PDB file of all heavy atoms in Angstrom:
ATOM      1  N   ARG A   1     117.474 114.267  92.806  1.00  0.00           N
ATOM      2  CA  ARG A   1     117.150 115.021  91.536  1.00  0.00           C
ATOM      3  C   ARG A   1     116.531 114.109  90.532  1.00  0.00           C
ATOM      4  O   ARG A   1     116.857 114.143  89.342  1.00  0.00           O
ATOM      5  CB  ARG A   1     118.178 115.918  90.965  1.00  0.00           C
ATOM      6  CG  ARG A   1     117.635 116.920  89.954  1.00  0.00           C
ATOM      7  CD  ARG A   1     118.643 118.019  89.637  1.00  0.00           C
ATOM      8  NE  ARG A   1     118.203 118.935  88.547  1.00  0.00           N
ATOM      9  CZ  ARG A   1     117.256 119.728  88.640  1.00  0.00           C
ATOM     10  NH1 ARG A   1     116.569 120.022  89.805  1.00  0.00           N
ATOM     11  NH2 ARG A   1     116.857 120.501  87.650  1.00  0.00           N
ATOM     12  N   GLN A   2     115.739 113.138  91.006  1.00  0.00           N
ATOM     13  CA  GLN A   2     115.054 112.216  90.118  1.00  0.00           C
ATOM     14  C   GLN A   2     113.545 112.375  90.343  1.00  0.00           C
ATOM     15  O   GLN A   2     113.150 112.883  91.297  1.00  0.00           O
ATOM     16  CB  GLN A   2     115.534 110.758  90.293  1.00  0.00           C
ATOM     17  CG  GLN A   2     116.904 110.480  89.944  1.00  0.00           C
ATOM     18  CD  GLN A   2     117.363 109.174  90.197  1.00  0.00           C
ATOM     19  OE1 GLN A   2     116.807 108.358  90.939  1.00  0.00           O
ATOM     20  NE2 GLN A   2     118.473 108.726  89.492  1.00  0.00           N
ATOM     21  N   VAL A   3     112.682 111.914  89.416  1.00  0.00           N
ATOM     22  CA  VAL A   3     111.284 112.115  89.472  1.00  0.00           C
ATOM     23  C   VAL A   3     110.628 110.902  90.199  1.00  0.00           C
ATOM     24  O   VAL A   3     110.906 109.751  89.785  1.00  0.00           O
ATOM     25  CB  VAL A   3     110.667 112.283  88.163  1.00  0.00           C
ATOM     26  CG1 VAL A   3     109.212 112.322  88.186  1.00  0.00           C
ATOM     27  CG2 VAL A   3     111.190 113.537  87.423  1.00  0.00           C
ATOM     28  N   ALA A   4     109.845 111.137  91.101  1.00  0.00           N
ATOM     29  CA  ALA A   4     109.055 110.165  91.852  1.00  0.00           C
ATOM     30  C   ALA A   4     107.618 110.548  91.864  1.00  0.00           C
ATOM     31  O   ALA A   4     107.315 111.804  92.211  1.00  0.00           O
ATOM     32  CB  ALA A   4     109.518 109.993  93.317  1.00  0.00           C
ATOM     33  N   LEU A   5     106.683 109.758  91.369  1.00  0.00           N
ATOM     34  CA  LEU A   5     105.302 109.972  91.316  1.00  0.00           C
ATOM     35  C   LEU A   5     104.556 109.321  92.441  1.00  0.00           C
ATOM     36  O   LEU A   5     104.779 108.165  92.635  1.00  0.00           O
ATOM     37  CB  LEU A   5     104.743 109.682  89.977  1.00  0.00           C
ATOM     38  CG  LEU A   5     105.412 110.323  88.734  1.00  0.00           C
ATOM     39  CD1 LEU A   5     104.834 109.871  87.471  1.00  0.00           C
ATOM     40  CD2 LEU A   5     105.349 111.865  88.787  1.00  0.00           C
ATOM     41  N   ALA A   6     103.542 110.076  93.033  1.00  0.00           N
ATOM     42  CA  ALA A   6     102.814 109.384  94.197  1.00  0.00           C
ATOM     43  C   ALA A   6     101.333 109.465  93.812  1.00  0.00           C
ATOM     44  O   ALA A   6     100.846 110.571  93.646  1.00  0.00           O
ATOM     45  CB  ALA A   6     103.105 110.211  95.446  1.00  0.00           C
ATOM     46  N   VAL A   7     100.695 108.312  93.819  1.00  0.00           N
ATOM     47  CA  VAL A   7      99.250 108.349  93.467  1.00  0.00           C
ATOM     48  C   VAL A   7      98.655 107.376  94.500  1.00  0.00           C
ATOM     49  O   VAL A   7      99.269 106.659  95.183  1.00  0.00           O
ATOM     50  CB  VAL A   7      99.021 107.751  92.075  1.00  0.00           C
ATOM     51  CG1 VAL A   7      99.747 108.627  91.021  1.00  0.00           C
ATOM     52  CG2 VAL A   7      99.439 106.278  91.914  1.00  0.00           C
ATOM     53  N   ALA A   8      97.314 107.579  94.562  1.00  0.00           N
ATOM     54  CA  ALA A   8      96.514 106.648  95.506  1.00  0.00           C
ATOM     55  C   ALA A   8      95.281 106.420  94.919  1.00  0.00           C
ATOM     56  O   ALA A   8      94.681 107.047  93.911  1.00  0.00           O
ATOM     57  CB  ALA A   8      96.422 107.388  96.895  1.00  0.00           C
ATOM     58  N   SER A   9      94.578 105.635  95.549  1.00  0.00           N
ATOM     59  CA  SER A   9      93.111 105.187  95.137  1.00  0.00           C
ATOM     60  C   SER A   9      92.190 106.305  95.379  1.00  0.00           C
ATOM     61  O   SER A   9      91.175 106.421  94.655  1.00  0.00           O
ATOM     62  CB  SER A   9      92.647 103.864  95.846  1.00  0.00           C
ATOM     63  OG  SER A   9      93.492 102.879  95.376  1.00  0.00           O
ATOM     64  N   SER A  10      92.322 107.027  96.433  1.00  0.00           N
ATOM     65  CA  SER A  10      91.514 108.157  96.725  1.00  0.00           C
ATOM     66  C   SER A  10      92.169 109.426  97.020  1.00  0.00           C
ATOM     67  O   SER A  10      93.407 109.416  97.294  1.00  0.00           O
ATOM     68  CB  SER A  10      90.718 107.773  98.157  1.00  0.00           C
ATOM     69  OG  SER A  10      91.574 107.765  99.195  1.00  0.00           O
ATOM     70  N   GLY A  11      91.507 110.525  96.995  1.00  0.00           N
ATOM     71  CA  GLY A  11      92.147 111.812  97.185  1.00  0.00           C
ATOM     72  C   GLY A  11      92.607 111.968  98.597  1.00  0.00           C
ATOM     73  O   GLY A  11      93.580 112.599  98.813  1.00  0.00           O
ATOM     74  N   ILE A  12      91.975 111.357  99.602  1.00  0.00           N
ATOM     75  CA  ILE A  12      92.353 111.501 100.961  1.00  0.00           C
ATOM     76  C   ILE A  12      93.640 110.870 101.211  1.00  0.00           C
ATOM     77  O   ILE A  12      94.522 111.438 101.838  1.00  0.00           O
ATOM     78  CB  ILE A  12      91.233 110.817 101.837  1.00  0.00           C
ATOM     79  CG1 ILE A  12      89.957 111.661 101.882  1.00  0.00           C
ATOM     80  CG2 ILE A  12      91.785 110.758 103.308  1.00  0.00           C
ATOM     81  CD1 ILE A  12      88.802 111.046 102.546  1.00  0.00           C
ATOM     82  N   ALA A  13      93.826 109.682 100.625  1.00  0.00           N
ATOM     83  CA  ALA A  13      95.120 108.876 100.827  1.00  0.00           C
ATOM     84  C   ALA A  13      96.216 109.674 100.089  1.00  0.00           C
ATOM     85  O   ALA A  13      97.331 109.758 100.465  1.00  0.00           O
ATOM     86  CB  ALA A  13      94.985 107.527 100.323  1.00  0.00           C
ATOM     87  N   ALA A  14      95.911 110.226  98.950  1.00  0.00           N
ATOM     88  CA  ALA A  14      96.872 110.997  98.080  1.00  0.00           C
ATOM     89  C   ALA A  14      97.409 112.232  98.893  1.00  0.00           C
ATOM     90  O   ALA A  14      98.614 112.491  98.796  1.00  0.00           O
ATOM     91  CB  ALA A  14      96.281 111.441  96.748  1.00  0.00           C
ATOM     92  N   ARG A  15      96.556 112.795  99.674  1.00  0.00           N
ATOM     93  CA  ARG A  15      96.986 113.946 100.441  1.00  0.00           C
ATOM     94  C   ARG A  15      98.048 113.661 101.541  1.00  0.00           C
ATOM     95  O   ARG A  15      98.789 114.510 102.019  1.00  0.00           O
ATOM     96  CB  ARG A  15      95.831 114.661 101.146  1.00  0.00           C
ATOM     97  CG  ARG A  15      94.916 115.370 100.060  1.00  0.00           C
ATOM     98  CD  ARG A  15      93.661 115.894 100.670  1.00  0.00           C
ATOM     99  NE  ARG A  15      93.970 117.011 101.711  1.00  0.00           N
ATOM    100  CZ  ARG A  15      94.137 118.258 101.407  1.00  0.00           C
ATOM    101  NH1 ARG A  15      93.915 118.580 100.120  1.00  0.00           N
ATOM    102  NH2 ARG A  15      94.478 119.172 102.301  1.00  0.00           N
ATOM    103  N   ASN A  16      98.218 112.410 101.890  1.00  0.00           N
ATOM    104  CA  ASN A  16      99.168 112.130 102.820  1.00  0.00           C
ATOM    105  C   ASN A  16     100.635 111.939 102.253  1.00  0.00           C
ATOM    106  O   ASN A  16     101.583 111.713 103.111  1.00  0.00           O
ATOM    107  CB  ASN A  16      98.816 110.710 103.476  1.00  0.00           C
ATOM    108  CG  ASN A  16      97.643 110.740 104.320  1.00  0.00           C
ATOM    109  OD1 ASN A  16      97.401 111.822 104.957  1.00  0.00           O
ATOM    110  ND2 ASN A  16      96.789 109.682 104.384  1.00  0.00           N
ATOM    111  N   MET A  17     100.727 112.049 100.983  1.00  0.00           N
ATOM    112  CA  MET A  17     102.101 112.005 100.324  1.00  0.00           C
ATOM    113  C   MET A  17     102.345 113.363  99.626  1.00  0.00           C
ATOM    114  O   MET A  17     101.435 113.980  99.032  1.00  0.00           O
ATOM    115  CB  MET A  17     102.121 110.868  99.329  1.00  0.00           C
ATOM    116  CG  MET A  17     101.695 109.533  99.832  1.00  0.00           C
ATOM    117  SD  MET A  17     101.739 108.221  98.520  1.00  0.00           S
ATOM    118  CE  MET A  17     100.312 108.679  97.616  1.00  0.00           C
ATOM    119  N   ALA A  18     103.581 113.754  99.741  1.00  0.00           N
ATOM    120  CA  ALA A  18     103.980 115.002  99.168  1.00  0.00           C
ATOM    121  C   ALA A  18     103.811 114.961  97.594  1.00  0.00           C
ATOM    122  O   ALA A  18     104.308 113.942  96.994  1.00  0.00           O
ATOM    123  CB  ALA A  18     105.427 115.325  99.450  1.00  0.00           C
ATOM    124  N   GLY A  19     103.086 115.807  97.010  1.00  0.00           N
ATOM    125  CA  GLY A  19     102.974 115.695  95.473  1.00  0.00           C
ATOM    126  C   GLY A  19     101.893 114.625  95.147  1.00  0.00           C
ATOM    127  O   GLY A  19     101.826 114.355  93.872  1.00  0.00           O
ATOM    128  N   GLY A  20     101.136 114.142  96.097  1.00  0.00           N
ATOM    129  CA  GLY A  20     100.295 113.113  95.785  1.00  0.00           C
ATOM    130  C   GLY A  20      99.034 113.476  95.010  1.00  0.00           C
ATOM    131  O   GLY A  20      98.484 114.581  95.225  1.00  0.00           O
ATOM    132  N   THR A  21      98.491 112.652  94.086  1.00  0.00           N
ATOM    133  CA  THR A  21      97.242 112.826  93.493  1.00  0.00           C
ATOM    134  C   THR A  21      96.588 111.523  93.277  1.00  0.00           C
ATOM    135  O   THR A  21      97.207 110.383  93.556  1.00  0.00           O
ATOM    136  CB  THR A  21      97.476 113.537  92.120  1.00  0.00           C
ATOM    137  OG1 THR A  21      96.234 113.947  91.599  1.00  0.00           O
ATOM    138  CG2 THR A  21      98.254 112.602  91.090  1.00  0.00           C
ATOM    139  N   THR A  22      95.441 111.485  92.735  1.00  0.00           N
ATOM    140  CA  THR A  22      94.708 110.128  92.474  1.00  0.00           C
ATOM    141  C   THR A  22      95.209 109.529  91.246  1.00  0.00           C
ATOM    142  O   THR A  22      95.757 110.155  90.423  1.00  0.00           O
ATOM    143  CB  THR A  22      93.201 110.273  92.356  1.00  0.00           C
ATOM    144  OG1 THR A  22      92.933 111.119  91.129  1.00  0.00           O
ATOM    145  CG2 THR A  22      92.515 111.019  93.533  1.00  0.00           C
ATOM    146  N   ALA A  23      95.178 108.263  91.265  1.00  0.00           N
ATOM    147  CA  ALA A  23      95.719 107.559  90.010  1.00  0.00           C
ATOM    148  C   ALA A  23      95.056 107.861  88.746  1.00  0.00           C
ATOM    149  O   ALA A  23      95.570 108.022  87.690  1.00  0.00           O
ATOM    150  CB  ALA A  23      95.603 105.939  90.278  1.00  0.00           C
ATOM    151  N   HIS A  24      93.647 108.062  88.984  1.00  0.00           N
ATOM    152  CA  HIS A  24      92.904 108.451  87.847  1.00  0.00           C
ATOM    153  C   HIS A  24      93.346 109.794  87.208  1.00  0.00           C
ATOM    154  O   HIS A  24      93.345 109.898  86.042  1.00  0.00           O
ATOM    155  CB  HIS A  24      91.429 108.505  88.209  1.00  0.00           C
ATOM    156  CG  HIS A  24      90.740 107.213  87.984  1.00  0.00           C
ATOM    157  ND1 HIS A  24      90.786 106.219  89.106  1.00  0.00           N
ATOM    158  CD2 HIS A  24      90.020 106.566  87.103  1.00  0.00           C
ATOM    159  CE1 HIS A  24      90.104 105.222  88.672  1.00  0.00           C
ATOM    160  NE2 HIS A  24      89.601 105.320  87.473  1.00  0.00           N
ATOM    161  N   SER A  25      93.674 110.713  88.068  1.00  0.00           N
ATOM    162  CA  SER A  25      94.081 112.041  87.612  1.00  0.00           C
ATOM    163  C   SER A  25      95.545 111.993  86.950  1.00  0.00           C
ATOM    164  O   SER A  25      95.760 112.552  85.906  1.00  0.00           O
ATOM    165  CB  SER A  25      94.168 113.023  88.831  1.00  0.00           C
ATOM    166  OG  SER A  25      92.914 113.329  89.211  1.00  0.00           O
ATOM    167  N   MET A  26      96.403 111.287  87.675  1.00  0.00           N
ATOM    168  CA  MET A  26      97.806 111.338  87.089  1.00  0.00           C
ATOM    169  C   MET A  26      97.882 110.515  85.773  1.00  0.00           C
ATOM    170  O   MET A  26      98.457 111.009  84.851  1.00  0.00           O
ATOM    171  CB  MET A  26      98.696 110.562  88.115  1.00  0.00           C
ATOM    172  CG  MET A  26     100.079 110.182  87.552  1.00  0.00           C
ATOM    173  SD  MET A  26     101.007 111.724  87.085  1.00  0.00           S
ATOM    174  CE  MET A  26     101.219 112.515  88.596  1.00  0.00           C
TER     175      MET A  26
END
């Protein structure tokens, strides 16, 4: 029950992680 943020350089890479988004968006 803690917060973990998942970001990536690209949208395609972000989709491989639950809750992932691009670094620019987050």
